[in-house]
């Protein structure tokens, strides 16, 4: 009876919190803002990690014990208790923080005592009957919506109180796709007024609603965990692993295991950062992943990428891993706003972390508490990925965001990644321009915020099906932003195979198998004459005939009221109709809009032509109406990111410059290309042109070098010294 009453009270409290509490991010513990060097190691390696320069040490020592100490239990075993106490003391004596990696799984003894605390996958609600096993975590999955969630929180509190642990990481502690345990069933019925769906089926809108609810329940769990920890130790922190927040494989994981917003309830989100072929390591995907991890934290807390030191994905290995590549990967993370974290001792590379920490230490003063300079914002829509593009995320979702990110990277334009929750007036007001790369699933309120933003003078670039579906992926009859785009939705071109196969050159036909024809879909032609959008010397050099092949997503739209707003025409392959609007540029209120019916963004990722990059860059530049105050003159292999920082010493702008050149010259098999850089190819002659309000002095870090600074007309030109891998140009007021 006591347990039944407890479950009922638990479900009622959780339901009230889910319904009543507006989302508020957790304010990170102050010390995490200064973290730039974090090491993962075994307990025995802690002294070596501290000697190497780690400010935070993470290690695993004990598993959740049973029963709780407050219920008369002994706590951790004597062996684990001794290890834990010695580990914390070793860190604290040297001024280092200790974060415990705690596996979030109930013990065998707990599951035997409370089998009803497990995830209930059966729609009948029947308690799982499988025998819990030490070596099979699948038999020990606790539901954090129920008593197990309370129990885990209390273990964390006890360990903080008893051992002075500084924080936690969990490799797990997310939510199951669906659960029918009593707290879940009762909570869903109280919140939603109906039973949970019968299966985890993304095609079912009812399940999408359930998944949204389950994510909010997980947010409540973490909020309660944070409250409990910080009452016990005010500066305790959750520095834990995130999913669906930057790692390529996590983008493909459906249904999601945590809502993106949950990262804002961590003091510092982390990700394992793979650059092998399974994660498209020789592309923009890793840089995007680091930038996105920073974004999901809301840009107001640090985030950490742990570069995996692997030469190939299958089999995994680091037998021939260049130390230089470890440094390059770490600097790529730093360039995109993340702290590089390191495993202390990858086999054969025991001292690699020390070298990286030394390089990070030289740069950390200009990294701590820095924020992206707001100019262009690009929405990375989790709603679209989860509820619209879920049948083929790699084809229908990622190409649009990766392609836009690539265009901005190669054109050295500042691009800040934002989230669905940022589509509201206060957040958007910081930016000159908003980019919506096929952001198909947005709510009416989000569409209204975008409309107001543009009407008041903001720029907008949008592609393909943006706003054609609501936030749960339910289709609309027309774009919610049709009045902003100036065109209405009219469908899609005929499906692949409707047009006859063209004749191929005999030499090429030998290798054009069925796989070639399966890939040859979404073809069309883009053509233009004279329009401000395409009035560009670089574009003329790329497409002198003003007519070019296009492969990528296409949407058919109506003719705009003003024909002069059509900048580019689109003729789908096999279509007998007149060319349709392919790109439209127009004014809406005080703002300028560029809408692409042709998915130039996706094309630049999946079937790239250089004109696509330039056309997207032109759209961003013109929609912004005013150029960015810093122009970078550098090769496309150089990524530039722009941050700002204010403290008691003053205000500064920091331009990170990262050299991604690979001297192996892409000699790998393309589909298995992995960056294993052994040396740097220095880049000379980089210049930064500052206009508008110009900093009073400049220096280049690391090293504090004073660059050559000259005035040319209304600009100040800073000549950057030789770039090997990474440096920062710092302008101070």
Foldseek 3Di string as FASTA:
>chain_A
DVQVVQLVVLLVVLLCCLPPDDDDFDAAQVVQLLAQEEAEEELVCLVVSVVLPHQEYEYEQDEFDPDDVVVVDPFTDPVSVVSLQVSCVVQVVSNHAYAYEYELWDDQVVCVVPQLQAFAQALVQDRDDDRDDPVDRVSTHGALSGVSLVRVLSSVLVCCQPRVHQEYAYPDLFHDLDGRRVSLQSNCCVNPVDGQDRHSDLVDLSSLVVVVSSQSSSLVSLVVSLVSNCVSPVNRFYEYEDAPQQQQVSLLDPPHRHDLLSLSHGQEYEYAQELFLVRVNVACSRLRSLLRNCASNVQQHAYEYEYDQFDHVVPTDNPPFALVVVLLSQLSSLQNQHRYYYHCPDDPCNSSSSVNSVQCVLPSVVRRRWGFQAAEEEEQEPLCSNQPVNVPCPAPRVLQVRLLVLLCFLQQHAYHYHYLVLLAQVNLVSYLEYEYRPQQEAALRSLVSVLVSQLVAHFYEYEANHQQHYSNNHGDQWRSCCVVQQKTFDFFPDWQPPADDDDDDPVVVVPCDVVNSVQPTQKKKKAFDDDQLCPDPVLCVQPVVRMDMAHGGATAIDQGPDNNQQGMWIGTPPDPDDTGRQWGWDGNNNFIYIYGRGNLSSCCRPPNDVSSSSSSVSSSQVRSVHDDQKGKDFGSQWGWTWIWDQDPVFIKIKIKIFGNDAPVNPPDDVSRDGRRHNFFDKTAFMKMKGADDFFPAKAKPDPRHGFDWDDDVRIIMTGDGIDGGMMMIMGGD
